[in-house]
Each structure stands twice: as C-alpha cells, then as structure tokens.
C-alpha cells in the first residue's frame, strides 16, 4: 500500500525537502502541497491523503485550526495529522494534540524521524514513542482545562496502561512489563480510547498526563 501524504508549509524550501525525503521511500507518495492553511484544508478534503504534515505557523489559517478541521472529534472522516514545529515547547502543540493530531515532529529532527512519524501515524500504535513527544507531553502536564469526571471511569488496569502509553511504551513493552499478551493490551487500549473520548494513543497520553496517570521520570 502506498502511503499518500499532504505537505502543508509556507516555505517552499521546506516543502521541497520534505517531499524529497518522503519520496525516497518506495511506499510513500506526496499527493499534494499547500503553502497556507486554507489551501491545506481544501487539498486534504479533495485528495484524502493518509497523512498530513502540517506546519504550525502558516498564513490565512494556522496549523491548529487546520488540525481541528481535519482531525477534530467532530470530523466524520478524519485525516491523520502530524504537526510540524520549530520549537520543542511551542505553545500551539498542546492544543493541536487536543484537536486530534496524531503526533508532532520537530523540523530539525531529520529524515529518519520524519519517516518514522509518517509510518507511526498510519499504524496508529507508536505515535508517542519518540522521546521529544514524551518530553512535550510532560511539559503540558496540568496545563489543560479542568477535567470533568469520566462518564465511565477507567479500571485500575486501564489506568495503569494509560500511564504507560503516556510514557511512550508500545503494546509489546506494556505486555512484557505486565505479563499479559499484546492482544490483551490492545483490547485495554481500545477501551481506554473509548472511555476518554480520544482518537488515538497521543490523545490517551495527553489525557493521562492531565489526570495524573503518568509517572514523571
């Protein structure tokens, strides 16, 4: 299967570099580009890419609003969005994750992490494994809005697993640590997603840090 990617960045040189990296992979293709947020949303809705790499700061519409429109909780057919930022502690990253972004990537991270981020977004199960993601999630702990009680509380096991997801652990890591099967972990993760009302593992991680389920290192 070819992974179809949209690149949204207001700098042509950045778009060209990202395209070159992605298209060096035999299973990736850049299907469209956008130099501003409005065009990014239009292109995404027209071409339905598998992944959208979205810059935070763009003219006409910023990456936060683009993320909300493409991946937000009310979107019927969401696009997996990986937010691209220049700064480790960019003030827009947290709300972007809250609006449904599958992850984020620092522009200086290099080709290997870019490719990993795209593959992770498609796979949906290793989105917060890069250490930079975990670091940013720690930074935003407690900075989100006040939390209402969950309509359906998490079980003790689900709280434990949510915390480990927030620490960047994969299903295999969690299974080994808890002496359960990866399939059982997958079932618990799906239940946690449903109860927390989030789309993916990054959403679990954000809520887990907010609710104090993760252990700072």
N, C-alpha and C. Protein backbone atom coordinates (compact mmCIF):
# COMPACT_ATOMS: atom_id res chain seq x y z
N UNK A 1 0.84 -1.19 0.00
CA UNK A 1 0.00 0.00 0.00
C UNK A 1 0.88 1.25 0.00
N UNK A 2 0.56 2.19 -0.85
CA UNK A 2 1.28 3.46 -0.88
C UNK A 2 0.67 4.43 0.13
N UNK A 3 1.52 5.01 0.98
CA UNK A 3 1.07 6.00 1.95
C UNK A 3 1.02 7.35 1.26
N UNK A 4 -0.16 7.95 1.18
CA UNK A 4 -0.36 9.20 0.47
C UNK A 4 -0.26 10.35 1.46
N UNK A 5 0.59 11.32 1.17
CA UNK A 5 0.92 12.38 2.14
C UNK A 5 0.63 13.75 1.55
N UNK A 6 0.07 14.62 2.39
CA UNK A 6 -0.06 16.04 2.08
C UNK A 6 1.00 16.79 2.89
N UNK A 7 1.66 17.76 2.26
CA UNK A 7 2.63 18.61 2.95
C UNK A 7 2.09 20.03 2.97
N UNK A 8 1.94 20.60 4.16
CA UNK A 8 1.46 21.98 4.30
C UNK A 8 2.49 22.79 5.06
N UNK A 9 3.17 23.69 4.36
CA UNK A 9 4.19 24.56 4.96
C UNK A 9 4.32 25.79 4.07
N UNK A 10 4.48 26.96 4.68
CA UNK A 10 4.54 28.17 3.87
C UNK A 10 5.90 28.41 3.23
N UNK A 11 6.89 27.59 3.56
CA UNK A 11 8.21 27.75 2.96
C UNK A 11 8.42 26.69 1.87
N UNK A 12 8.62 27.16 0.66
CA UNK A 12 8.79 26.24 -0.46
C UNK A 12 9.99 25.32 -0.26
N UNK A 13 11.06 25.85 0.31
CA UNK A 13 12.26 25.04 0.51
C UNK A 13 11.98 23.88 1.47
N UNK A 14 11.19 24.15 2.51
CA UNK A 14 10.83 23.10 3.46
C UNK A 14 9.98 22.04 2.78
N UNK A 15 8.99 22.49 2.01
CA UNK A 15 8.13 21.52 1.30
C UNK A 15 8.96 20.65 0.36
N UNK A 16 9.88 21.27 -0.34
CA UNK A 16 10.71 20.53 -1.28
C UNK A 16 11.57 19.49 -0.55
N UNK A 17 12.11 19.88 0.59
CA UNK A 17 12.93 18.95 1.37
C UNK A 17 12.12 17.79 1.91
N UNK A 18 10.94 18.08 2.43
CA UNK A 18 10.08 17.02 2.94
C UNK A 18 9.65 16.07 1.83
N UNK A 19 9.32 16.61 0.69
CA UNK A 19 8.92 15.77 -0.45
C UNK A 19 10.06 14.84 -0.85
N UNK A 20 11.27 15.38 -0.91
CA UNK A 20 12.42 14.57 -1.33
C UNK A 20 12.64 13.41 -0.36
N UNK A 21 12.51 13.67 0.94
CA UNK A 21 12.70 12.62 1.93
C UNK A 21 11.62 11.56 1.81
N UNK A 22 10.37 12.00 1.74
CA UNK A 22 9.26 11.05 1.70
C UNK A 22 9.29 10.20 0.44
N UNK A 23 9.56 10.83 -0.69
CA UNK A 23 9.51 10.09 -1.94
C UNK A 23 10.76 9.24 -2.18
N UNK A 24 11.71 9.28 -1.24
CA UNK A 24 12.82 8.34 -1.29
C UNK A 24 12.38 6.96 -0.81
N UNK A 25 11.19 6.92 -0.18
CA UNK A 25 10.64 5.65 0.30
C UNK A 25 9.74 5.04 -0.76
N UNK A 26 9.91 3.75 -1.04
CA UNK A 26 9.14 3.14 -2.13
C UNK A 26 7.63 3.08 -1.89
N UNK A 27 7.22 3.20 -0.62
CA UNK A 27 5.79 3.08 -0.31
C UNK A 27 5.16 4.41 0.08
N UNK A 28 5.83 5.54 -0.21
CA UNK A 28 5.27 6.85 0.13
C UNK A 28 5.19 7.74 -1.10
N UNK A 29 4.14 8.54 -1.17
CA UNK A 29 3.97 9.48 -2.27
C UNK A 29 3.33 10.75 -1.76
N UNK A 30 3.88 11.90 -2.15
CA UNK A 30 3.28 13.19 -1.81
C UNK A 30 2.23 13.49 -2.87
N UNK A 31 0.98 13.55 -2.47
CA UNK A 31 -0.10 13.73 -3.43
C UNK A 31 -0.50 15.19 -3.60
N UNK A 32 -0.12 16.05 -2.65
CA UNK A 32 -0.44 17.47 -2.79
C UNK A 32 0.36 18.28 -1.79
N UNK A 33 0.50 19.57 -2.08
CA UNK A 33 1.20 20.51 -1.23
C UNK A 33 0.32 21.75 -1.04
N UNK A 34 0.57 22.43 0.08
CA UNK A 34 -0.16 23.68 0.35
C UNK A 34 0.78 24.66 1.05
N UNK A 35 0.66 25.93 0.69
CA UNK A 35 1.51 26.97 1.28
C UNK A 35 0.78 27.77 2.35
N UNK A 36 -0.48 27.46 2.59
CA UNK A 36 -1.24 28.13 3.65
C UNK A 36 -2.30 27.20 4.18
N UNK A 37 -2.87 27.56 5.33
CA UNK A 37 -3.80 26.67 5.99
C UNK A 37 -5.10 26.43 5.26
N UNK A 38 -5.63 27.46 4.65
CA UNK A 38 -6.90 27.30 3.92
C UNK A 38 -6.73 26.32 2.77
N UNK A 39 -5.65 26.48 2.02
CA UNK A 39 -5.39 25.56 0.91
C UNK A 39 -5.14 24.15 1.42
N UNK A 40 -4.49 24.02 2.57
CA UNK A 40 -4.23 22.70 3.13
C UNK A 40 -5.53 21.95 3.40
N UNK A 41 -6.50 22.65 3.99
CA UNK A 41 -7.79 22.01 4.26
C UNK A 41 -8.49 21.64 2.96
N UNK A 42 -8.48 22.53 2.00
CA UNK A 42 -9.11 22.25 0.71
C UNK A 42 -8.47 21.05 0.02
N UNK A 43 -7.13 21.01 0.03
CA UNK A 43 -6.43 19.91 -0.62
C UNK A 43 -6.68 18.58 0.10
N UNK A 44 -6.71 18.62 1.43
CA UNK A 44 -6.95 17.40 2.19
C UNK A 44 -8.34 16.83 1.90
N UNK A 45 -9.31 17.70 1.83
CA UNK A 45 -10.67 17.24 1.56
C UNK A 45 -10.83 16.74 0.13
N UNK A 46 -10.05 17.31 -0.76
CA UNK A 46 -10.13 16.90 -2.16
C UNK A 46 -9.38 15.59 -2.43
N UNK A 47 -8.15 15.46 -1.87
CA UNK A 47 -7.31 14.31 -2.20
C UNK A 47 -7.35 13.20 -1.14
N UNK A 48 -7.88 13.48 0.05
CA UNK A 48 -7.99 12.48 1.12
C UNK A 48 -6.68 11.72 1.35
N UNK A 49 -5.61 12.43 1.72
CA UNK A 49 -4.34 11.75 1.99
C UNK A 49 -4.44 10.88 3.24
N UNK A 50 -3.52 9.95 3.37
CA UNK A 50 -3.46 9.12 4.58
C UNK A 50 -2.89 9.93 5.75
N UNK A 51 -1.92 10.79 5.46
CA UNK A 51 -1.26 11.59 6.49
C UNK A 51 -1.07 13.01 5.97
N UNK A 52 -1.27 13.99 6.85
CA UNK A 52 -0.99 15.38 6.51
C UNK A 52 0.10 15.89 7.44
N UNK A 53 1.21 16.36 6.87
CA UNK A 53 2.25 17.02 7.64
C UNK A 53 1.92 18.51 7.64
N UNK A 54 1.61 19.07 8.79
CA UNK A 54 1.07 20.43 8.87
C UNK A 54 1.98 21.31 9.73
N UNK A 55 2.46 22.39 9.14
CA UNK A 55 3.24 23.37 9.89
C UNK A 55 2.32 24.11 10.86
N UNK A 56 2.87 24.50 12.01
CA UNK A 56 2.07 25.24 12.98
C UNK A 56 1.76 26.64 12.49
N UNK A 57 2.76 27.34 12.00
CA UNK A 57 2.59 28.76 11.65
C UNK A 57 2.51 28.92 10.15
N UNK A 58 1.30 29.21 9.67
CA UNK A 58 1.07 29.41 8.24
C UNK A 58 0.13 30.59 8.04
N UNK A 59 0.19 31.23 6.88
CA UNK A 59 -0.75 32.33 6.60
C UNK A 59 -2.17 31.82 6.38
N UNK A 60 -3.11 32.74 6.54
CA UNK A 60 -4.55 32.52 6.31
C UNK A 60 -5.21 31.63 7.35
N UNK A 61 -4.53 30.58 7.79
CA UNK A 61 -5.07 29.71 8.83
C UNK A 61 -3.90 28.95 9.43
N UNK A 62 -3.79 28.95 10.76
CA UNK A 62 -2.65 28.28 11.37
C UNK A 62 -2.88 26.77 11.48
N UNK A 63 -1.80 26.07 11.83
CA UNK A 63 -1.86 24.62 11.89
C UNK A 63 -2.82 24.08 12.92
N UNK A 64 -3.06 24.84 13.98
CA UNK A 64 -4.02 24.41 15.00
C UNK A 64 -5.42 24.29 14.42
N UNK A 65 -5.84 25.33 13.70
CA UNK A 65 -7.17 25.30 13.11
C UNK A 65 -7.26 24.25 12.00
N UNK A 66 -6.19 24.12 11.23
CA UNK A 66 -6.15 23.07 10.20
C UNK A 66 -6.34 21.71 10.85
N UNK A 67 -5.65 21.48 11.94
CA UNK A 67 -5.76 20.20 12.64
C UNK A 67 -7.18 19.95 13.12
N UNK A 68 -7.80 20.97 13.69
CA UNK A 68 -9.17 20.82 14.17
C UNK A 68 -10.13 20.45 13.05
N UNK A 69 -9.94 21.11 11.90
CA UNK A 69 -10.85 20.86 10.78
C UNK A 69 -10.62 19.51 10.11
N UNK A 70 -9.39 19.00 10.19
CA UNK A 70 -9.08 17.73 9.52
C UNK A 70 -9.15 16.53 10.45
N UNK A 71 -8.86 16.73 11.74
CA UNK A 71 -8.75 15.59 12.64
C UNK A 71 -9.56 15.73 13.92
N UNK A 72 -10.34 16.79 14.04
CA UNK A 72 -11.08 17.05 15.26
C UNK A 72 -12.13 16.00 15.56
N UNK A 73 -12.64 15.98 16.77
CA UNK A 73 -13.59 14.95 17.19
C UNK A 73 -14.90 14.95 16.41
N UNK A 74 -15.23 16.05 15.78
CA UNK A 74 -16.49 16.12 15.02
C UNK A 74 -16.32 15.80 13.54
N UNK A 75 -15.09 15.48 13.12
CA UNK A 75 -14.83 15.21 11.70
C UNK A 75 -15.24 13.77 11.38
N UNK A 76 -16.08 13.61 10.39
CA UNK A 76 -16.60 12.28 10.05
C UNK A 76 -15.52 11.36 9.51
N UNK A 77 -14.68 11.87 8.61
CA UNK A 77 -13.60 11.08 8.03
C UNK A 77 -12.28 11.81 8.27
N UNK A 78 -11.74 11.64 9.48
CA UNK A 78 -10.54 12.41 9.84
C UNK A 78 -9.30 11.99 9.06
N UNK A 79 -8.41 12.94 8.89
CA UNK A 79 -7.09 12.71 8.30
C UNK A 79 -6.09 12.64 9.44
N UNK A 80 -5.15 11.73 9.37
CA UNK A 80 -4.11 11.66 10.39
C UNK A 80 -3.16 12.85 10.19
N UNK A 81 -3.09 13.70 11.19
CA UNK A 81 -2.28 14.92 11.09
C UNK A 81 -1.05 14.79 11.98
N UNK A 82 0.11 15.05 11.41
CA UNK A 82 1.34 15.17 12.18
C UNK A 82 1.74 16.65 12.13
N UNK A 83 1.70 17.30 13.28
CA UNK A 83 2.03 18.72 13.35
C UNK A 83 3.55 18.89 13.30
N UNK A 84 3.99 19.85 12.52
CA UNK A 84 5.42 20.14 12.38
C UNK A 84 5.71 21.48 13.04
N UNK A 85 6.71 21.53 13.90
CA UNK A 85 7.02 22.77 14.61
C UNK A 85 8.52 22.98 14.70
N UNK A 86 8.92 24.20 14.90
CA UNK A 86 10.33 24.54 15.04
C UNK A 86 10.80 24.42 16.48
N UNK A 87 9.89 24.62 17.44
CA UNK A 87 10.28 24.74 18.83
C UNK A 87 9.84 23.54 19.66
N UNK A 88 10.69 23.08 20.57
CA UNK A 88 10.37 21.96 21.46
C UNK A 88 9.12 22.25 22.29
N UNK A 89 8.99 23.50 22.75
CA UNK A 89 7.89 23.86 23.64
C UNK A 89 6.97 24.86 22.98
N UNK A 90 6.67 24.64 21.74
CA UNK A 90 5.77 25.53 21.01
C UNK A 90 4.41 25.56 21.70
N UNK A 91 3.92 26.76 21.97
CA UNK A 91 2.66 26.89 22.71
C UNK A 91 1.46 26.36 21.96
N UNK A 92 1.61 26.06 20.68
CA UNK A 92 0.48 25.55 19.92
C UNK A 92 0.39 24.03 19.91
N UNK A 93 1.44 23.34 20.32
CA UNK A 93 1.45 21.89 20.18
C UNK A 93 0.39 21.24 21.06
N UNK A 94 0.26 21.67 22.31
CA UNK A 94 -0.72 21.06 23.19
C UNK A 94 -2.15 21.15 22.63
N UNK A 95 -2.62 22.34 22.26
CA UNK A 95 -3.98 22.37 21.69
C UNK A 95 -4.10 21.59 20.39
N UNK A 96 -3.02 21.51 19.62
CA UNK A 96 -3.08 20.70 18.39
C UNK A 96 -3.34 19.25 18.73
N UNK A 97 -2.67 18.74 19.74
CA UNK A 97 -2.92 17.36 20.16
C UNK A 97 -4.35 17.20 20.67
N UNK A 98 -4.83 18.21 21.39
CA UNK A 98 -6.20 18.16 21.89
C UNK A 98 -7.21 18.15 20.73
N UNK A 99 -6.82 18.74 19.61
CA UNK A 99 -7.71 18.81 18.46
C UNK A 99 -7.58 17.60 17.55
N UNK A 100 -6.83 16.58 17.96
CA UNK A 100 -6.83 15.32 17.23
C UNK A 100 -5.57 15.00 16.46
N UNK A 101 -4.52 15.81 16.60
CA UNK A 101 -3.27 15.49 15.89
C UNK A 101 -2.75 14.13 16.34
N UNK A 102 -2.20 13.38 15.41
CA UNK A 102 -1.65 12.06 15.72
C UNK A 102 -0.26 12.15 16.32
N UNK A 103 0.36 13.30 16.24
CA UNK A 103 1.70 13.46 16.78
C UNK A 103 2.30 14.75 16.30
N UNK A 104 3.58 14.90 16.53
CA UNK A 104 4.23 16.10 16.03
C UNK A 104 5.70 15.79 15.78
N UNK A 105 6.32 16.64 15.01
CA UNK A 105 7.69 16.43 14.59
C UNK A 105 8.42 17.76 14.59
N UNK A 106 9.61 17.79 15.19
CA UNK A 106 10.43 18.99 15.11
C UNK A 106 11.11 19.05 13.76
N UNK A 107 11.17 20.23 13.18
CA UNK A 107 11.74 20.37 11.84
C UNK A 107 13.20 19.95 11.77
N UNK A 108 13.89 20.06 12.88
CA UNK A 108 15.31 19.69 12.88
C UNK A 108 15.54 18.21 13.14
N UNK A 109 14.47 17.43 13.22
CA UNK A 109 14.61 16.04 13.65
C UNK A 109 15.33 15.15 12.65
N UNK A 110 15.28 15.49 11.36
CA UNK A 110 15.98 14.70 10.37
C UNK A 110 15.10 13.70 9.65
N UNK A 111 15.61 13.13 8.55
CA UNK A 111 14.82 12.24 7.69
C UNK A 111 14.28 11.01 8.39
N UNK A 112 15.09 10.37 9.23
CA UNK A 112 14.66 9.11 9.84
C UNK A 112 13.41 9.31 10.69
N UNK A 113 13.39 10.38 11.50
CA UNK A 113 12.23 10.61 12.36
C UNK A 113 11.01 11.04 11.55
N UNK A 114 11.24 11.77 10.47
CA UNK A 114 10.12 12.14 9.60
C UNK A 114 9.43 10.88 9.07
N UNK A 115 10.23 9.97 8.55
CA UNK A 115 9.68 8.73 8.00
C UNK A 115 8.99 7.92 9.10
N UNK A 116 9.63 7.87 10.27
CA UNK A 116 9.03 7.16 11.40
C UNK A 116 7.69 7.78 11.79
N UNK A 117 7.62 9.11 11.80
CA UNK A 117 6.39 9.79 12.20
C UNK A 117 5.25 9.47 11.24
N UNK A 118 5.54 9.44 9.95
CA UNK A 118 4.51 9.12 8.96
C UNK A 118 4.04 7.68 9.13
N UNK A 119 4.99 6.76 9.26
CA UNK A 119 4.61 5.35 9.43
C UNK A 119 3.84 5.15 10.74
N UNK A 120 4.26 5.84 11.79
CA UNK A 120 3.56 5.73 13.07
C UNK A 120 2.13 6.22 12.97
N UNK A 121 1.94 7.33 12.27
CA UNK A 121 0.59 7.87 12.11
C UNK A 121 -0.31 6.87 11.41
N UNK A 122 0.22 6.21 10.39
CA UNK A 122 -0.57 5.22 9.66
C UNK A 122 -0.86 4.01 10.54
N UNK A 123 0.16 3.55 11.29
CA UNK A 123 0.00 2.38 12.14
C UNK A 123 -0.91 2.66 13.33
N UNK A 124 -0.81 3.87 13.89
CA UNK A 124 -1.67 4.25 14.99
C UNK A 124 -1.29 3.68 16.34
N UNK A 125 -0.11 3.04 16.46
CA UNK A 125 0.21 2.42 17.74
C UNK A 125 1.58 2.77 18.29
N UNK A 126 2.29 3.69 17.67
CA UNK A 126 3.60 4.06 18.22
C UNK A 126 3.84 5.56 18.04
N UNK A 127 2.80 6.31 18.17
CA UNK A 127 2.86 7.73 17.84
C UNK A 127 3.65 8.57 18.84
N UNK A 128 3.71 8.14 20.08
CA UNK A 128 4.40 8.98 21.06
C UNK A 128 5.73 8.37 21.48
N UNK A 129 6.24 7.40 20.71
CA UNK A 129 7.50 6.77 21.10
C UNK A 129 8.71 7.68 21.01
N UNK A 130 8.79 8.61 20.06
CA UNK A 130 9.96 9.49 20.06
C UNK A 130 10.07 10.27 21.36
N UNK A 131 11.27 10.36 21.90
CA UNK A 131 11.46 10.99 23.21
C UNK A 131 10.99 12.43 23.23
N UNK A 132 11.07 13.11 22.10
CA UNK A 132 10.65 14.50 22.08
C UNK A 132 9.17 14.62 22.36
N UNK A 133 8.38 13.66 21.91
CA UNK A 133 6.94 13.70 22.16
C UNK A 133 6.66 13.54 23.65
N UNK A 134 7.33 12.57 24.26
CA UNK A 134 7.14 12.36 25.69
C UNK A 134 7.54 13.60 26.46
N UNK A 135 8.64 14.24 26.06
CA UNK A 135 9.10 15.45 26.75
C UNK A 135 8.06 16.55 26.67
N UNK A 136 7.44 16.71 25.52
CA UNK A 136 6.45 17.77 25.35
C UNK A 136 5.20 17.47 26.15
N UNK A 137 4.80 16.20 26.18
CA UNK A 137 3.63 15.83 26.95
C UNK A 137 3.86 16.09 28.44
N UNK A 138 5.10 15.85 28.91
CA UNK A 138 5.41 16.16 30.30
C UNK A 138 5.30 17.67 30.55
N UNK A 139 5.73 18.46 29.58
CA UNK A 139 5.70 19.91 29.72
C UNK A 139 4.28 20.43 29.90
N UNK A 140 3.31 19.78 29.25
CA UNK A 140 1.95 20.30 29.31
C UNK A 140 1.14 19.68 30.44
N UNK A 141 1.74 18.82 31.25
CA UNK A 141 1.01 18.22 32.36
C UNK A 141 0.39 19.30 33.24
N UNK A 142 -0.91 19.19 33.43
CA UNK A 142 -1.59 20.13 34.30
C UNK A 142 -1.92 21.46 33.66
N UNK A 143 -1.55 21.65 32.39
CA UNK A 143 -1.81 22.95 31.77
C UNK A 143 -3.13 22.98 31.00
N UNK A 144 -3.76 21.84 30.91
CA UNK A 144 -5.01 21.78 30.16
C UNK A 144 -6.18 22.26 31.00
N UNK A 145 -7.38 22.27 30.40
CA UNK A 145 -8.56 22.70 31.13
C UNK A 145 -8.91 21.72 32.23
N UNK A 146 -9.70 22.16 33.19
CA UNK A 146 -10.14 21.27 34.26
C UNK A 146 -10.88 20.07 33.70
N UNK A 147 -10.69 18.94 34.35
CA UNK A 147 -11.26 17.70 33.85
C UNK A 147 -12.58 17.36 34.53
N UNK A 148 -13.59 17.10 33.74
CA UNK A 148 -14.85 16.61 34.28
C UNK A 148 -14.71 15.12 34.58
N UNK A 149 -15.46 14.60 35.56
CA UNK A 149 -15.43 13.16 35.83
C UNK A 149 -15.83 12.39 34.57
N UNK A 150 -15.18 11.25 34.36
CA UNK A 150 -15.49 10.44 33.19
C UNK A 150 -16.85 9.79 33.37
N UNK A 151 -17.68 9.75 32.31
CA UNK A 151 -18.96 9.07 32.40
C UNK A 151 -18.80 7.59 32.78
N UNK A 152 -17.72 6.99 32.27
CA UNK A 152 -17.41 5.60 32.59
C UNK A 152 -15.96 5.56 33.06
N UNK A 153 -15.73 5.44 34.35
CA UNK A 153 -14.36 5.51 34.88
C UNK A 153 -13.47 4.38 34.35
N UNK A 154 -12.19 4.64 34.30
CA UNK A 154 -11.23 3.61 33.93
C UNK A 154 -11.05 2.63 35.08
N UNK A 155 -10.81 1.37 34.73
CA UNK A 155 -10.46 0.38 35.75
C UNK A 155 -9.02 0.61 36.20
N UNK A 156 -8.62 -0.05 37.28
CA UNK A 156 -7.24 0.09 37.76
C UNK A 156 -6.25 -0.34 36.69
N UNK A 157 -6.55 -1.43 35.99
CA UNK A 157 -5.67 -1.91 34.93
C UNK A 157 -5.61 -0.90 33.79
N UNK A 158 -6.74 -0.31 33.43
CA UNK A 158 -6.75 0.67 32.35
C UNK A 158 -5.97 1.93 32.73
N UNK A 159 -6.07 2.35 33.99
CA UNK A 159 -5.28 3.50 34.45
C UNK A 159 -3.79 3.19 34.33
N UNK A 160 -3.41 1.98 34.71
CA UNK A 160 -2.01 1.57 34.62
C UNK A 160 -1.53 1.60 33.17
N UNK A 161 -2.34 1.08 32.27
CA UNK A 161 -1.96 1.03 30.86
C UNK A 161 -1.95 2.43 30.25
N UNK A 162 -2.92 3.26 30.61
CA UNK A 162 -2.93 4.64 30.10
C UNK A 162 -1.66 5.37 30.50
N UNK A 163 -1.22 5.16 31.73
CA UNK A 163 0.02 5.79 32.19
C UNK A 163 1.22 5.32 31.40
N UNK A 164 1.26 4.04 31.06
CA UNK A 164 2.40 3.52 30.31
C UNK A 164 2.36 3.99 28.86
N UNK A 165 1.19 4.12 28.29
CA UNK A 165 1.08 4.71 26.95
C UNK A 165 1.64 6.13 26.97
N UNK A 166 1.32 6.89 28.01
CA UNK A 166 1.80 8.27 28.13
C UNK A 166 3.30 8.35 28.29
N UNK A 167 3.91 7.28 28.74
CA UNK A 167 5.36 7.24 28.89
C UNK A 167 6.06 6.79 27.61
N UNK A 168 5.28 6.56 26.55
CA UNK A 168 5.86 6.23 25.26
C UNK A 168 6.05 4.76 25.01
N UNK A 169 5.44 3.91 25.81
CA UNK A 169 5.63 2.48 25.66
C UNK A 169 4.69 1.90 24.60
N UNK A 170 5.20 0.94 23.86
CA UNK A 170 4.39 0.26 22.85
C UNK A 170 3.56 -0.84 23.52
N UNK A 171 2.65 -1.43 22.75
CA UNK A 171 1.87 -2.55 23.28
C UNK A 171 2.76 -3.70 23.72
N UNK A 172 3.80 -3.98 22.94
CA UNK A 172 4.73 -5.06 23.29
C UNK A 172 5.46 -4.76 24.59
N UNK A 173 5.88 -3.50 24.77
CA UNK A 173 6.55 -3.10 26.01
C UNK A 173 5.63 -3.31 27.21
N UNK A 174 4.39 -2.86 27.07
CA UNK A 174 3.42 -2.95 28.17
C UNK A 174 3.12 -4.40 28.49
N UNK A 175 2.93 -5.20 27.44
CA UNK A 175 2.63 -6.63 27.65
C UNK A 175 3.74 -7.31 28.43
N UNK A 176 5.01 -7.02 28.06
CA UNK A 176 6.14 -7.64 28.74
C UNK A 176 6.21 -7.22 30.20
N UNK A 177 5.94 -5.95 30.47
CA UNK A 177 6.04 -5.45 31.84
C UNK A 177 4.93 -5.97 32.72
N UNK A 178 3.72 -6.13 32.15
CA UNK A 178 2.57 -6.54 32.95
C UNK A 178 2.29 -8.04 32.88
N UNK A 179 3.11 -8.76 32.09
CA UNK A 179 2.95 -10.21 31.94
C UNK A 179 1.57 -10.59 31.39
N UNK A 180 1.15 -9.84 30.38
CA UNK A 180 -0.08 -10.16 29.66
C UNK A 180 0.22 -10.16 28.17
N UNK A 181 -0.72 -10.60 27.37
CA UNK A 181 -0.47 -10.71 25.94
C UNK A 181 -0.64 -9.35 25.26
N UNK A 182 0.07 -9.13 24.13
CA UNK A 182 -0.14 -7.89 23.37
C UNK A 182 -1.58 -7.70 22.95
N UNK A 183 -2.27 -8.80 22.66
CA UNK A 183 -3.68 -8.69 22.29
C UNK A 183 -4.53 -8.15 23.42
N UNK A 184 -4.22 -8.57 24.64
CA UNK A 184 -4.95 -8.06 25.81
C UNK A 184 -4.68 -6.57 26.00
N UNK A 185 -3.42 -6.18 25.81
CA UNK A 185 -3.08 -4.76 25.90
C UNK A 185 -3.87 -3.97 24.87
N UNK A 186 -3.92 -4.48 23.64
CA UNK A 186 -4.64 -3.80 22.57
C UNK A 186 -6.11 -3.60 22.94
N UNK A 187 -6.71 -4.61 23.53
CA UNK A 187 -8.11 -4.52 23.95
C UNK A 187 -8.28 -3.44 25.02
N UNK A 188 -7.36 -3.41 25.99
CA UNK A 188 -7.43 -2.38 27.04
C UNK A 188 -7.25 -0.98 26.45
N UNK A 189 -6.31 -0.84 25.53
CA UNK A 189 -6.05 0.47 24.91
C UNK A 189 -7.30 0.96 24.19
N UNK A 190 -7.96 0.06 23.47
CA UNK A 190 -9.19 0.43 22.76
C UNK A 190 -10.26 0.89 23.75
N UNK A 191 -10.36 0.20 24.88
CA UNK A 191 -11.34 0.58 25.89
C UNK A 191 -11.01 1.94 26.50
N UNK A 192 -9.71 2.18 26.75
CA UNK A 192 -9.29 3.48 27.28
C UNK A 192 -9.61 4.60 26.30
N UNK A 193 -9.34 4.39 25.02
CA UNK A 193 -9.67 5.39 24.00
C UNK A 193 -11.14 5.74 24.04
N UNK A 194 -11.97 4.70 24.10
CA UNK A 194 -13.42 4.93 24.10
C UNK A 194 -13.85 5.71 25.33
N UNK A 195 -13.37 5.33 26.49
CA UNK A 195 -13.80 5.98 27.72
C UNK A 195 -13.30 7.42 27.82
N UNK A 196 -12.09 7.66 27.31
CA UNK A 196 -11.55 9.02 27.36
C UNK A 196 -12.06 9.89 26.22
N UNK A 197 -12.68 9.28 25.22
CA UNK A 197 -13.21 10.04 24.09
C UNK A 197 -12.13 10.62 23.20
N UNK A 198 -11.06 9.84 22.97
CA UNK A 198 -9.96 10.31 22.13
C UNK A 198 -9.81 9.37 20.93
N UNK A 199 -9.06 9.86 19.92
CA UNK A 199 -8.96 9.11 18.67
C UNK A 199 -7.77 8.15 18.63
N UNK A 200 -6.73 8.42 19.39
CA UNK A 200 -5.50 7.66 19.20
C UNK A 200 -4.66 7.67 20.46
N UNK A 201 -3.45 7.09 20.38
CA UNK A 201 -2.59 6.96 21.54
C UNK A 201 -2.07 8.32 22.04
N UNK A 202 -1.89 9.24 21.13
CA UNK A 202 -1.48 10.57 21.57
C UNK A 202 -2.57 11.20 22.44
N UNK A 203 -3.82 11.01 22.03
CA UNK A 203 -4.93 11.51 22.84
C UNK A 203 -4.95 10.87 24.22
N UNK A 204 -4.70 9.55 24.27
CA UNK A 204 -4.60 8.87 25.57
C UNK A 204 -3.50 9.51 26.41
N UNK A 205 -2.35 9.75 25.78
CA UNK A 205 -1.21 10.28 26.52
C UNK A 205 -1.52 11.67 27.09
N UNK A 206 -2.13 12.52 26.28
CA UNK A 206 -2.46 13.87 26.75
C UNK A 206 -3.38 13.80 27.97
N UNK A 207 -4.43 12.99 27.87
CA UNK A 207 -5.37 12.89 28.99
C UNK A 207 -4.71 12.23 30.21
N UNK A 208 -3.84 11.25 29.97
CA UNK A 208 -3.19 10.56 31.08
C UNK A 208 -2.29 11.51 31.86
N UNK A 209 -1.56 12.39 31.13
CA UNK A 209 -0.74 13.39 31.83
C UNK A 209 -1.63 14.38 32.58
N UNK A 210 -2.72 14.78 31.98
CA UNK A 210 -3.64 15.71 32.64
C UNK A 210 -4.19 15.13 33.95
N UNK A 211 -4.51 13.84 33.89
CA UNK A 211 -5.22 13.20 35.01
C UNK A 211 -4.27 12.57 36.03
N UNK A 212 -2.97 12.73 35.80
CA UNK A 212 -2.01 12.25 36.77
C UNK A 212 -1.73 10.76 36.74
N UNK A 213 -2.01 10.12 35.58
CA UNK A 213 -1.78 8.68 35.47
C UNK A 213 -0.35 8.33 35.12
N UNK A 214 0.40 9.29 34.57
CA UNK A 214 1.77 9.03 34.13
C UNK A 214 2.74 9.39 35.25
N UNK A 215 3.88 8.69 35.24
CA UNK A 215 4.87 8.91 36.29
C UNK A 215 6.04 9.72 35.71
N UNK A 216 6.28 10.94 36.19
CA UNK A 216 7.43 11.71 35.72
C UNK A 216 8.73 10.97 35.99
N UNK A 217 9.68 11.15 35.05
CA UNK A 217 10.98 10.47 35.22
C UNK A 217 12.03 11.51 35.58
